[in-house]
PDB file of N, CA and C in Angstrom:
ATOM      1  N   MET A   1      69.376 -59.276 -71.623  1.00  0.00           N
ATOM      2  CA  MET A   1      69.186 -58.434 -72.723  1.00  0.00           C
ATOM      3  C   MET A   1      69.905 -57.126 -72.463  1.00  0.00           C
ATOM      4  N   MET A   2      68.858 -57.298 -71.175  1.00  0.00           N
ATOM      5  CA  MET A   2      68.503 -55.338 -70.816  1.00  0.00           C
ATOM      6  C   MET A   2      70.033 -55.094 -70.720  1.00  0.00           C
ATOM      7  N   ARG A   3      70.808 -55.562 -70.274  1.00  0.00           N
ATOM      8  CA  ARG A   3      71.763 -55.017 -69.369  1.00  0.00           C
ATOM      9  C   ARG A   3      72.728 -54.575 -71.110  1.00  0.00           C
ATOM     10  N   ILE A   4      72.662 -56.383 -71.404  1.00  0.00           N
ATOM     11  CA  ILE A   4      73.597 -55.631 -72.759  1.00  0.00           C
ATOM     12  C   ILE A   4      72.632 -54.132 -73.257  1.00  0.00           C
ATOM     13  N   THR A   5      71.949 -53.797 -73.534  1.00  0.00           N
ATOM     14  CA  THR A   5      71.457 -52.872 -74.020  1.00  0.00           C
ATOM     15  C   THR A   5      72.252 -51.683 -73.310  1.00  0.00           C
ATOM     16  N   LEU A   6      71.981 -51.561 -72.071  1.00  0.00           N
ATOM     17  CA  LEU A   6      72.459 -51.078 -71.168  1.00  0.00           C
ATOM     18  C   LEU A   6      73.517 -50.181 -71.367  1.00  0.00           C
ATOM     19  N   ALA A   7      74.841 -51.091 -71.263  1.00  0.00           N
ATOM     20  CA  ALA A   7      76.335 -50.971 -71.657  1.00  0.00           C
ATOM     21  C   ALA A   7      76.328 -50.655 -72.606  1.00  0.00           C
ATOM     22  N   ILE A   8      75.268 -50.921 -73.561  1.00  0.00           N
ATOM     23  CA  ILE A   8      75.809 -50.162 -75.001  1.00  0.00           C
ATOM     24  C   ILE A   8      75.594 -48.853 -75.125  1.00  0.00           C
ATOM     25  N   LEU A   9      74.563 -48.592 -74.473  1.00  0.00           N
ATOM     26  CA  LEU A   9      74.219 -47.594 -74.330  1.00  0.00           C
ATOM     27  C   LEU A   9      74.711 -45.954 -73.872  1.00  0.00           C
ATOM     28  N   ALA A  10      75.260 -47.187 -72.345  1.00  0.00           N
ATOM     29  CA  ALA A  10      76.634 -46.409 -72.166  1.00  0.00           C
ATOM     30  C   ALA A  10      77.584 -46.233 -72.254  1.00  0.00           C
ATOM     31  N   ALA A  11      78.212 -47.134 -73.280  1.00  0.00           N
ATOM     32  CA  ALA A  11      79.697 -47.155 -74.056  1.00  0.00           C
ATOM     33  C   ALA A  11      79.407 -45.857 -74.975  1.00  0.00           C
ATOM     34  N   VAL A  12      78.357 -46.258 -75.933  1.00  0.00           N
ATOM     35  CA  VAL A  12      77.622 -45.358 -76.616  1.00  0.00           C
ATOM     36  C   VAL A  12      77.945 -43.708 -76.320  1.00  0.00           C
ATOM     37  N   ALA A  13      77.834 -43.874 -75.263  1.00  0.00           N
ATOM     38  CA  ALA A  13      77.280 -42.266 -74.466  1.00  0.00           C
ATOM     39  C   ALA A  13      79.020 -41.781 -74.120  1.00  0.00           C
ATOM     40  N   SER A  14      79.153 -42.360 -73.722  1.00  0.00           N
ATOM     41  CA  SER A  14      80.658 -42.006 -73.161  1.00  0.00           C
ATOM     42  C   SER A  14      82.110 -41.881 -74.343  1.00  0.00           C
ATOM     43  N   LEU A  15      81.542 -42.614 -74.903  1.00  0.00           N
ATOM     44  CA  LEU A  15      82.636 -42.047 -76.388  1.00  0.00           C
ATOM     45  C   LEU A  15      82.006 -41.427 -77.316  1.00  0.00           C
ATOM     46  N   SER A  16      80.721 -40.702 -76.941  1.00  0.00           N
ATOM     47  CA  SER A  16      80.226 -39.454 -77.405  1.00  0.00           C
ATOM     48  C   SER A  16      80.706 -38.023 -76.897  1.00  0.00           C
ATOM     49  N   ALA A  17      81.441 -39.130 -76.098  1.00  0.00           N
ATOM     50  CA  ALA A  17      82.450 -37.241 -75.508  1.00  0.00           C
ATOM     51  C   ALA A  17      83.408 -36.810 -75.472  1.00  0.00           C
ATOM     52  N   CYS A  18      84.242 -38.119 -76.473  1.00  0.00           N
ATOM     53  CA  CYS A  18      85.884 -38.388 -76.090  1.00  0.00           C
ATOM     54  C   CYS A  18      85.907 -37.457 -78.165  1.00  0.00           C
ATOM     55  N   GLY A  19      87.483 -37.245 -78.177  1.00  0.00           N
ATOM     56  CA  GLY A  19      87.748 -36.319 -79.019  1.00  0.00           C
ATOM     57  C   GLY A  19      87.832 -35.251 -79.040  1.00  0.00           C
ATOM     58  N   LEU A  20      88.998 -34.781 -80.224  1.00  0.00           N
ATOM     59  CA  LEU A  20      88.696 -32.687 -80.046  1.00  0.00           C
ATOM     60  C   LEU A  20      87.054 -32.061 -79.990  1.00  0.00           C
ATOM     61  N   ARG A  21      87.453 -30.825 -79.547  1.00  0.00           N
ATOM     62  CA  ARG A  21      86.383 -29.800 -79.724  1.00  0.00           C
ATOM     63  C   ARG A  21      86.826 -29.170 -80.549  1.00  0.00           C
ATOM     64  N   GLY A  22      85.543 -28.421 -81.334  1.00  0.00           N
ATOM     65  CA  GLY A  22      86.074 -26.192 -82.049  1.00  0.00           C
ATOM     66  C   GLY A  22      87.057 -26.896 -83.353  1.00  0.00           C
ATOM     67  N   GLY A  23      87.006 -26.417 -84.500  1.00  0.00           N
ATOM     68  CA  GLY A  23      88.094 -26.505 -85.334  1.00  0.00           C
ATOM     69  C   GLY A  23      88.978 -27.048 -85.443  1.00  0.00           C
ATOM     70  N   LEU A  24      89.032 -28.758 -86.849  1.00  0.00           N
ATOM     71  CA  LEU A  24      90.196 -29.310 -86.828  1.00  0.00           C
ATOM     72  C   LEU A  24      91.073 -28.689 -87.396  1.00  0.00           C
ATOM     73  N   GLU A  25      92.476 -29.232 -87.565  1.00  0.00           N
ATOM     74  CA  GLU A  25      93.505 -28.574 -88.956  1.00  0.00           C
ATOM     75  C   GLU A  25      94.017 -29.535 -89.515  1.00  0.00           C
ATOM     76  N   ARG A  26      93.851 -29.128 -90.655  1.00  0.00           N
ATOM     77  CA  ARG A  26      94.827 -30.275 -91.710  1.00  0.00           C
ATOM     78  C   ARG A  26      96.387 -29.582 -90.697  1.00  0.00           C
ATOM     79  N   PRO A  27      97.048 -31.231 -90.828  1.00  0.00           N
ATOM     80  CA  PRO A  27      98.005 -31.211 -90.442  1.00  0.00           C
ATOM     81  C   PRO A  27      99.240 -31.530 -91.572  1.00  0.00           C
ATOM     82  N   VAL A  28     100.290 -31.107 -91.730  1.00  0.00           N
ATOM     83  CA  VAL A  28     101.448 -30.971 -92.018  1.00  0.00           C
ATOM     84  C   VAL A  28     102.000 -32.102 -92.649  1.00  0.00           C
ATOM     85  N   PRO A  29     102.027 -31.981 -94.637  1.00  0.00           N
ATOM     86  CA  PRO A  29     101.646 -33.491 -94.887  1.00  0.00           C
ATOM     87  C   PRO A  29     104.071 -34.312 -94.265  1.00  0.00           C
ATOM     88  N   LEU A  30     103.850 -35.633 -94.680  1.00  0.00           N
ATOM     89  CA  LEU A  30     104.357 -36.199 -94.407  1.00  0.00           C
ATOM     90  C   LEU A  30     105.624 -35.612 -95.181  1.00  0.00           C
ATOM     91  N   TRP A  31     104.815 -36.082 -96.918  1.00  0.00           N
ATOM     92  CA  TRP A  31     106.057 -36.165 -97.725  1.00  0.00           C
ATOM     93  C   TRP A  31     105.376 -35.524 -99.112  1.00  0.00           C
ATOM     94  N   GLY A  32     106.072 -34.579 -99.983  1.00  0.00           N
ATOM     95  CA  GLY A  32     105.267 -34.241-101.096  1.00  0.00           C
ATOM     96  C   GLY A  32     105.347 -33.025-100.155  1.00  0.00           C
ATOM     97  N   ASN A  33     105.181 -31.616-101.318  1.00  0.00           N
ATOM     98  CA  ASN A  33     104.613 -29.942-101.442  1.00  0.00           C
ATOM     99  C   ASN A  33     103.735 -29.428-102.068  1.00  0.00           C
ATOM    100  N   PRO A  34     102.417 -29.857-100.531  1.00  0.00           N
ATOM    101  CA  PRO A  34     101.627 -29.466-101.691  1.00  0.00           C
ATOM    102  C   PRO A  34     101.179 -27.784-102.206  1.00  0.00           C
ATOM    103  N   PRO A  35      99.838 -27.453-102.769  1.00  0.00           N
ATOM    104  CA  PRO A  35     100.136 -26.457-103.193  1.00  0.00           C
ATOM    105  C   PRO A  35      99.475 -25.021-101.623  1.00  0.00           C
ATOM    106  N   ASN A  36     100.029 -24.145-101.938  1.00  0.00           N
ATOM    107  CA  ASN A  36      99.820 -23.353-100.794  1.00  0.00           C
ATOM    108  C   ASN A  36      98.557 -22.930-100.556  1.00  0.00           C
ATOM    109  N   GLU A  37      97.616 -22.636 -98.962  1.00  0.00           N
ATOM    110  CA  GLU A  37      96.268 -22.877 -99.244  1.00  0.00           C
ATOM    111  C   GLU A  37      95.803 -21.271 -98.829  1.00  0.00           C
ATOM    112  N   GLY A  38      96.315 -20.310 -99.044  1.00  0.00           N
ATOM    113  CA  GLY A  38      96.347 -18.772 -98.218  1.00  0.00           C
ATOM    114  C   GLY A  38      96.752 -18.464 -97.650  1.00  0.00           C
ATOM    115  N   PRO A  39      96.321 -17.531 -96.915  1.00  0.00           N
ATOM    116  CA  PRO A  39      96.475 -17.117 -95.305  1.00  0.00           C
ATOM    117  C   PRO A  39      96.410 -17.748 -94.191  1.00  0.00           C
ATOM    118  N   LEU A  40      95.021 -18.644 -94.224  1.00  0.00           N
ATOM    119  CA  LEU A  40      95.536 -20.104 -93.718  1.00  0.00           C
ATOM    120  C   LEU A  40      96.471 -21.247 -93.472  1.00  0.00           C
ATOM    121  N   ASP A  41      97.180 -21.184 -94.355  1.00  0.00           N
ATOM    122  CA  ASP A  41      97.956 -22.532 -94.696  1.00  0.00           C
ATOM    123  C   ASP A  41      98.844 -22.603 -93.556  1.00  0.00           C
ATOM    124  N   PRO A  42      99.777 -22.772 -93.018  1.00  0.00           N
ATOM    125  CA  PRO A  42     100.739 -23.426 -91.542  1.00  0.00           C
ATOM    126  C   PRO A  42     101.958 -22.618 -92.666  1.00  0.00           C
ATOM    127  N   ARG A  43     101.886 -22.836 -93.554  1.00  0.00           N
ATOM    128  CA  ARG A  43     103.554 -22.568 -93.842  1.00  0.00           C
ATOM    129  C   ARG A  43     103.366 -20.805 -94.466  1.00  0.00           C
ATOM    130  N   SER A  44     101.956 -20.319 -94.911  1.00  0.00           N
ATOM    131  CA  SER A  44     102.141 -18.387 -94.873  1.00  0.00           C
ATOM    132  C   SER A  44     102.256 -17.978 -93.985  1.00  0.00           C
ATOM    133  N   ILE A  45     101.719 -18.971 -92.871  1.00  0.00           N
ATOM    134  CA  ILE A  45     101.165 -18.569 -91.582  1.00  0.00           C
ATOM    135  C   ILE A  45     103.259 -18.283 -90.454  1.00  0.00           C
ATOM    136  N   LYS A  46     104.099 -19.449 -90.367  1.00  0.00           N
ATOM    137  CA  LYS A  46     105.290 -19.410 -90.278  1.00  0.00           C
ATOM    138  C   LYS A  46     105.897 -18.120 -90.362  1.00  0.00           C
ATOM    139  N   GLU A  47     105.509 -17.814 -92.428  1.00  0.00           N
ATOM    140  CA  GLU A  47     106.281 -17.332 -93.084  1.00  0.00           C
ATOM    141  C   GLU A  47     105.687 -15.804 -92.522  1.00  0.00           C
ATOM    142  N   ALA A  48     104.857 -15.197 -92.465  1.00  0.00           N
ATOM    143  CA  ALA A  48     104.281 -14.195 -91.944  1.00  0.00           C
ATOM    144  C   ALA A  48     104.918 -13.699 -90.758  1.00  0.00           C
ATOM    145  N   GLU A  49     104.642 -14.660 -89.836  1.00  0.00           N
ATOM    146  CA  GLU A  49     105.578 -14.385 -88.070  1.00  0.00           C
ATOM    147  C   GLU A  49     107.032 -14.354 -88.516  1.00  0.00           C
ATOM    148  N   GLU A  50     108.160 -15.111 -89.071  1.00  0.00           N
ATOM    149  CA  GLU A  50     109.248 -14.966 -89.596  1.00  0.00           C
ATOM    150  C   GLU A  50     109.905 -13.190 -90.176  1.00  0.00           C
ATOM    151  N   LYS A  51     108.845 -12.733 -91.321  1.00  0.00           N
ATOM    152  CA  LYS A  51     108.965 -11.549 -91.262  1.00  0.00           C
ATOM    153  C   LYS A  51     108.715 -10.546 -90.493  1.00  0.00           C
ATOM    154  N   ALA A  52     107.569 -11.206 -89.565  1.00  0.00           N
ATOM    155  CA  ALA A  52     107.682  -9.763 -88.415  1.00  0.00           C
ATOM    156  C   ALA A  52     108.214  -9.471 -87.565  1.00  0.00           C
ATOM    157  N   LYS A  53     108.816 -10.693 -87.328  1.00  0.00           N
ATOM    158  CA  LYS A  53     109.998 -10.980 -86.573  1.00  0.00           C
ATOM    159  C   LYS A  53     111.341 -10.105 -86.976  1.00  0.00           C
ATOM    160  N   ALA A  54     111.537  -9.944 -88.233  1.00  0.00           N
ATOM    161  CA  ALA A  54     112.772  -9.980 -88.566  1.00  0.00           C
ATOM    162  C   ALA A  54     112.596  -7.778 -89.116  1.00  0.00           C
ATOM    163  N   GLU A  55     111.166  -8.048 -89.303  1.00  0.00           N
ATOM    164  CA  GLU A  55     111.368  -5.944 -89.527  1.00  0.00           C
ATOM    165  C   GLU A  55     111.181  -5.576 -88.664  1.00  0.00           C
ATOM    166  N   LYS A  56     111.040  -6.345 -87.199  1.00  0.00           N
ATOM    167  CA  LYS A  56     110.668  -5.709 -85.568  1.00  0.00           C
ATOM    168  C   LYS A  56     112.690  -5.566 -85.310  1.00  0.00           C
ATOM    169  N   ALA A  57     113.484  -6.745 -85.924  1.00  0.00           N
ATOM    170  CA  ALA A  57     114.507  -6.465 -85.885  1.00  0.00           C
ATOM    171  C   ALA A  57     115.600  -5.489 -85.891  1.00  0.00           C
ATOM    172  N   ARG A  58     115.093  -4.955 -87.557  1.00  0.00           N
ATOM    173  CA  ARG A  58     115.965  -4.400 -87.492  1.00  0.00           C
ATOM    174  C   ARG A  58     115.781  -2.933 -87.234  1.00  0.00           C
ATOM    175  N   ILE A  59     113.685  -2.479 -86.637  1.00  0.00           N
ATOM    176  CA  ILE A  59     113.281  -0.914 -86.335  1.00  0.00           C
ATOM    177  C   ILE A  59     114.183  -1.441 -85.274  1.00  0.00           C
ATOM    178  N   GLU A  60     114.326  -2.413 -84.491  1.00  0.00           N
ATOM    179  CA  GLU A  60     114.881  -2.389 -82.881  1.00  0.00           C
ATOM    180  C   GLU A  60     116.620  -1.557 -82.814  1.00  0.00           C
ATOM    181  N   ALA A  61     117.294  -2.530 -84.272  1.00  0.00           N
ATOM    182  CA  ALA A  61     118.550  -2.047 -84.711  1.00  0.00           C
ATOM    183  C   ALA A  61     118.795  -0.813 -85.369  1.00  0.00           C
ATOM    184  N   GLU A  62     118.103  -0.252 -85.093  1.00  0.00           N
ATOM    185  CA  GLU A  62     117.928   1.598 -86.546  1.00  0.00           C
ATOM    186  C   GLU A  62     117.750   2.031 -84.935  1.00  0.00           C
ATOM    187  N   GLU A  63     116.857   2.173 -84.563  1.00  0.00           N
ATOM    188  CA  GLU A  63     116.614   2.839 -82.890  1.00  0.00           C
ATOM    189  C   GLU A  63     118.500   3.109 -82.420  1.00  0.00           C
ATOM    190  N   ARG A  64     119.093   2.027 -81.780  1.00  0.00           N
ATOM    191  CA  ARG A  64     119.958   1.305 -81.421  1.00  0.00           C
ATOM    192  C   ARG A  64     121.038   2.587 -81.880  1.00  0.00           C
ATOM    193  N   ARG A  65     121.017   2.316 -83.377  1.00  0.00           N
ATOM    194  CA  ARG A  65     122.148   3.158 -83.434  1.00  0.00           C
ATOM    195  C   ARG A  65     121.814   4.710 -83.854  1.00  0.00           C
ATOM    196  N   ARG A  66     120.137   5.056 -84.059  1.00  0.00           N
ATOM    197  CA  ARG A  66     120.168   6.356 -83.265  1.00  0.00           C
ATOM    198  C   ARG A  66     120.691   6.551 -81.976  1.00  0.00           C
ATOM    199  N   GLU A  67     120.243   6.023 -81.405  1.00  0.00           N
ATOM    200  CA  GLU A  67     120.574   6.316 -80.068  1.00  0.00           C
ATOM    201  C   GLU A  67     122.221   6.481 -79.890  1.00  0.00           C
ATOM    202  N   GLN A  68     123.281   6.101 -80.198  1.00  0.00           N
ATOM    203  CA  GLN A  68     124.767   5.748 -80.462  1.00  0.00           C
ATOM    204  C   GLN A  68     125.280   6.918 -80.941  1.00  0.00           C
ATOM    205  N   GLU A  69     124.175   7.863 -82.702  1.00  0.00           N
ATOM    206  CA  GLU A  69     125.365   8.372 -82.623  1.00  0.00           C
ATOM    207  C   GLU A  69     124.417   9.501 -81.904  1.00  0.00           C
ATOM    208  N   GLN A  70     123.292   9.889 -80.998  1.00  0.00           N
ATOM    209  CA  GLN A  70     123.322  11.451 -80.534  1.00  0.00           C
ATOM    210  C   GLN A  70     124.225  11.079 -79.227  1.00  0.00           C
ATOM    211  N   LEU A  71     123.762   9.725 -79.005  1.00  0.00           N
ATOM    212  CA  LEU A  71     125.391   9.892 -77.626  1.00  0.00           C
ATOM    213  C   LEU A  71     126.827  10.028 -78.153  1.00  0.00           C
ATOM    214  N   GLN A  72     126.753   9.504 -78.893  1.00  0.00           N
ATOM    215  CA  GLN A  72     128.220  10.691 -79.687  1.00  0.00           C
ATOM    216  C   GLN A  72     127.876  11.753 -80.134  1.00  0.00           C
ATOM    217  N   GLN A  73     127.303  12.774 -80.023  1.00  0.00           N
ATOM    218  CA  GLN A  73     126.947  13.436 -80.923  1.00  0.00           C
ATOM    219  C   GLN A  73     127.201  14.286 -79.350  1.00  0.00           C
ATOM    220  N   GLN A  74     126.070  14.047 -78.162  1.00  0.00           N
ATOM    221  CA  GLN A  74     126.467  14.513 -76.917  1.00  0.00           C
ATOM    222  C   GLN A  74     127.828  14.497 -76.022  1.00  0.00           C
ATOM    223  N   VAL A  75     128.892  13.454 -77.233  1.00  0.00           N
ATOM    224  CA  VAL A  75     130.263  13.549 -76.097  1.00  0.00           C
ATOM    225  C   VAL A  75     130.861  14.593 -76.987  1.00  0.00           C
ATOM    226  N   THR A  76     130.834  14.822 -77.781  1.00  0.00           N
ATOM    227  CA  THR A  76     131.963  14.885 -78.700  1.00  0.00           C
ATOM    228  C   THR A  76     131.100  16.093 -79.137  1.00  0.00           C
ATOM    229  N   PRO A  77     131.639  17.860 -78.510  1.00  0.00           N
ATOM    230  CA  PRO A  77     130.808  18.904 -79.405  1.00  0.00           C
ATOM    231  C   PRO A  77     131.383  19.111 -80.825  1.00  0.00           C
ATOM    232  N   PRO A  78     130.642  19.933 -81.049  1.00  0.00           N
ATOM    233  CA  PRO A  78     130.194  20.172 -82.882  1.00  0.00           C
ATOM    234  C   PRO A  78     131.918  20.674 -82.882  1.00  0.00           C
ATOM    235  N   ALA A  79     132.620  20.834 -84.202  1.00  0.00           N
ATOM    236  CA  ALA A  79     134.346  21.669 -84.012  1.00  0.00           C
ATOM    237  C   ALA A  79     133.801  22.850 -84.208  1.00  0.00           C
ATOM    238  N   THR A  80     134.115  24.422 -83.818  1.00  0.00           N
ATOM    239  CA  THR A  80     133.860  24.839 -84.651  1.00  0.00           C
ATOM    240  C   THR A  80     135.392  25.283 -84.899  1.00  0.00           C
ATOM    241  N   PRO A  81     135.340  26.137 -86.093  1.00  0.00           N
ATOM    242  CA  PRO A  81     136.308  26.896 -87.066  1.00  0.00           C
ATOM    243  C   PRO A  81     137.156  27.808 -86.680  1.00  0.00           C
ATOM    244  N   THR A  82     138.316  28.488 -86.143  1.00  0.00           N
ATOM    245  CA  THR A  82     138.919  29.421 -85.797  1.00  0.00           C
ATOM    246  C   THR A  82     138.958  30.324 -87.142  1.00  0.00           C
ATOM    247  N   THR A  83     138.589  31.308 -86.709  1.00  0.00           N
ATOM    248  CA  THR A  83     139.037  32.697 -88.466  1.00  0.00           C
ATOM    249  C   THR A  83     139.713  33.191 -87.017  1.00  0.00           C
ATOM    250  N   PRO A  84     141.056  33.557 -87.913  1.00  0.00           N
ATOM    251  CA  PRO A  84     141.648  35.095 -87.499  1.00  0.00           C
ATOM    252  C   PRO A  84     141.665  36.199 -87.823  1.00  0.00           C
ATOM    253  N   GLN A  85     141.352  37.005 -87.005  1.00  0.00           N
ATOM    254  CA  GLN A  85     140.040  38.663 -86.630  1.00  0.00           C
ATOM    255  C   GLN A  85     141.868  39.443 -87.355  1.00  0.00           C
TER     256      GLN A  85
END
């Protein structure tokens, strides 16, 4: 009887150490479209990341365009109008 009790206690103790630690996240539903739960919703997070990525790409493209314009100005000097004297 004592062995069975010890075995049960050992099993319970070993099972209590299993599992995830920390906060649990709700998985994305398999079907349907649940309401948005605010800034911590996975869809909101993904949308914000995509917006930030698009904004970063836009800014980089703008900087490349400015650099191209500067290089063009350095290569071709401004035309000086010639006036007869």
